[in-house]
């Protein structure tokens, strides 16, 4: 069974149509720069497919290569997907 990325989202800001910044807590498999997030779960329980690549992970405003449970960090994301009201992000490690 493949481990899945599971991130709890504390806050999300859509910087543009192709860029977003989220503060997250890692709840599943460790996350690395380059991983792709494919599903957003919203506060009302609905889900939506997204295509977001992690381009940077910042812990205490310093770039790191990975984030593992149960730590929090700021993620810079590139791709497509609406993040207003998002509660969780899921994906597959590369």
Protein backbone atom coordinates (compact mmCIF):
# COMPACT_ATOMS: atom_id res chain seq x y z
CA UNK A 1 0.00 0.00 0.00
CA UNK A 2 1.41 3.40 -1.02
CA UNK A 3 1.64 6.12 1.60
CA UNK A 4 -0.39 9.21 0.75
CA UNK A 5 0.35 12.84 1.47
CA UNK A 6 -2.17 14.28 3.92
CA UNK A 7 -1.93 17.93 4.92
CA UNK A 8 -4.20 19.79 7.33
CA UNK A 9 -4.56 23.38 6.10
CA UNK A 10 -4.45 26.17 8.69
CA UNK A 11 -4.68 29.00 6.13
CA UNK A 12 -4.51 29.43 2.37
CA UNK A 13 -3.90 32.52 0.24
CA UNK A 14 -4.33 32.52 -3.52
CA UNK A 15 -1.48 34.75 -4.73
CA UNK A 16 -2.60 34.45 -8.38
CA UNK A 17 -4.39 31.94 -10.60
CA UNK A 18 -1.22 29.82 -10.75
CA UNK A 19 0.31 30.42 -7.29
CA UNK A 20 -0.81 29.92 -3.69
CA UNK A 21 0.69 29.94 -0.21
CA UNK A 22 -0.64 27.65 2.55
CA UNK A 23 0.23 27.10 6.18
CA UNK A 24 -0.14 23.36 6.75
CA UNK A 25 0.44 20.58 9.26
CA UNK A 26 1.78 17.32 7.88
CA UNK A 27 -0.62 14.54 8.96
CA UNK A 28 0.53 11.68 6.73
CA UNK A 29 3.50 10.78 4.56
CA UNK A 30 6.39 13.28 4.53
CA UNK A 31 6.18 16.02 1.91
CA UNK A 32 9.04 17.10 -0.36
CA UNK A 33 9.60 19.94 -2.79
CA UNK A 34 8.32 18.69 -6.15
CA UNK A 35 5.48 16.57 -4.74
CA UNK A 36 2.07 17.03 -6.37
CA UNK A 37 -1.19 17.62 -4.51
CA UNK A 38 -4.20 16.27 -6.38
CA UNK A 39 -7.26 16.65 -4.11
CA UNK A 40 -8.59 19.50 -1.96
CA UNK A 41 -11.13 18.76 0.81
CA UNK A 42 -13.21 21.76 1.87
CA UNK A 43 -14.78 22.78 5.19
CA UNK A 44 -18.22 21.63 3.98
CA UNK A 45 -16.85 18.12 3.23
CA UNK A 46 -16.84 18.46 -0.56
CA UNK A 47 -13.73 17.65 -2.57
CA UNK A 48 -12.23 18.94 -5.80
CA UNK A 49 -9.38 17.80 -8.03
CA UNK A 50 -6.42 20.19 -8.06
CA UNK A 51 -3.03 20.12 -9.75
CA UNK A 52 -0.60 21.83 -7.37
CA UNK A 53 3.14 21.26 -7.19
CA UNK A 54 5.07 22.13 -4.02
CA UNK A 55 7.75 24.60 -5.12
CA UNK A 56 9.01 25.60 -1.66
CA UNK A 57 8.67 24.53 1.98
CA UNK A 58 9.43 27.20 4.57
CA UNK A 59 9.90 26.45 8.26
CA UNK A 60 10.49 29.54 10.38
CA UNK A 61 10.86 31.43 7.07
CA UNK A 62 13.81 29.22 6.03
CA UNK A 63 13.64 26.88 3.03
CA UNK A 64 13.81 23.15 3.77
CA UNK A 65 13.63 20.13 1.45
CA UNK A 66 10.95 18.17 3.29
CA UNK A 67 8.25 18.31 5.94
CA UNK A 68 7.40 15.29 8.08
CA UNK A 69 4.62 14.59 10.61
CA UNK A 70 3.57 16.22 12.88
CA UNK A 71 5.32 19.45 11.88
CA UNK A 72 3.90 22.60 10.33
CA UNK A 73 5.28 24.82 7.57
CA UNK A 74 4.39 27.32 4.90
CA UNK A 75 4.12 25.82 1.41
CA UNK A 76 4.47 27.73 -1.82
CA UNK A 77 2.39 26.00 -4.50
CA UNK A 78 2.21 26.36 -8.28
CA UNK A 79 -0.51 25.01 -10.54
CA UNK A 80 -4.27 25.12 -10.74
CA UNK A 81 -6.96 24.70 -8.11
CA UNK A 82 -9.21 26.84 -5.96
CA UNK A 83 -8.18 26.87 -2.28
CA UNK A 84 -10.79 29.12 -0.66
CA UNK A 85 -12.19 27.26 2.37
CA UNK A 86 -9.82 24.30 1.96
CA UNK A 87 -9.37 22.08 5.05
CA UNK A 88 -7.10 19.31 3.72
CA UNK A 89 -4.84 18.66 0.74
CA UNK A 90 -4.03 15.13 -0.45
CA UNK A 91 -1.52 13.84 -2.95
CA UNK A 92 1.04 11.23 -3.88
CA UNK A 93 4.73 11.46 -3.08
CA UNK A 94 6.96 11.52 -6.15
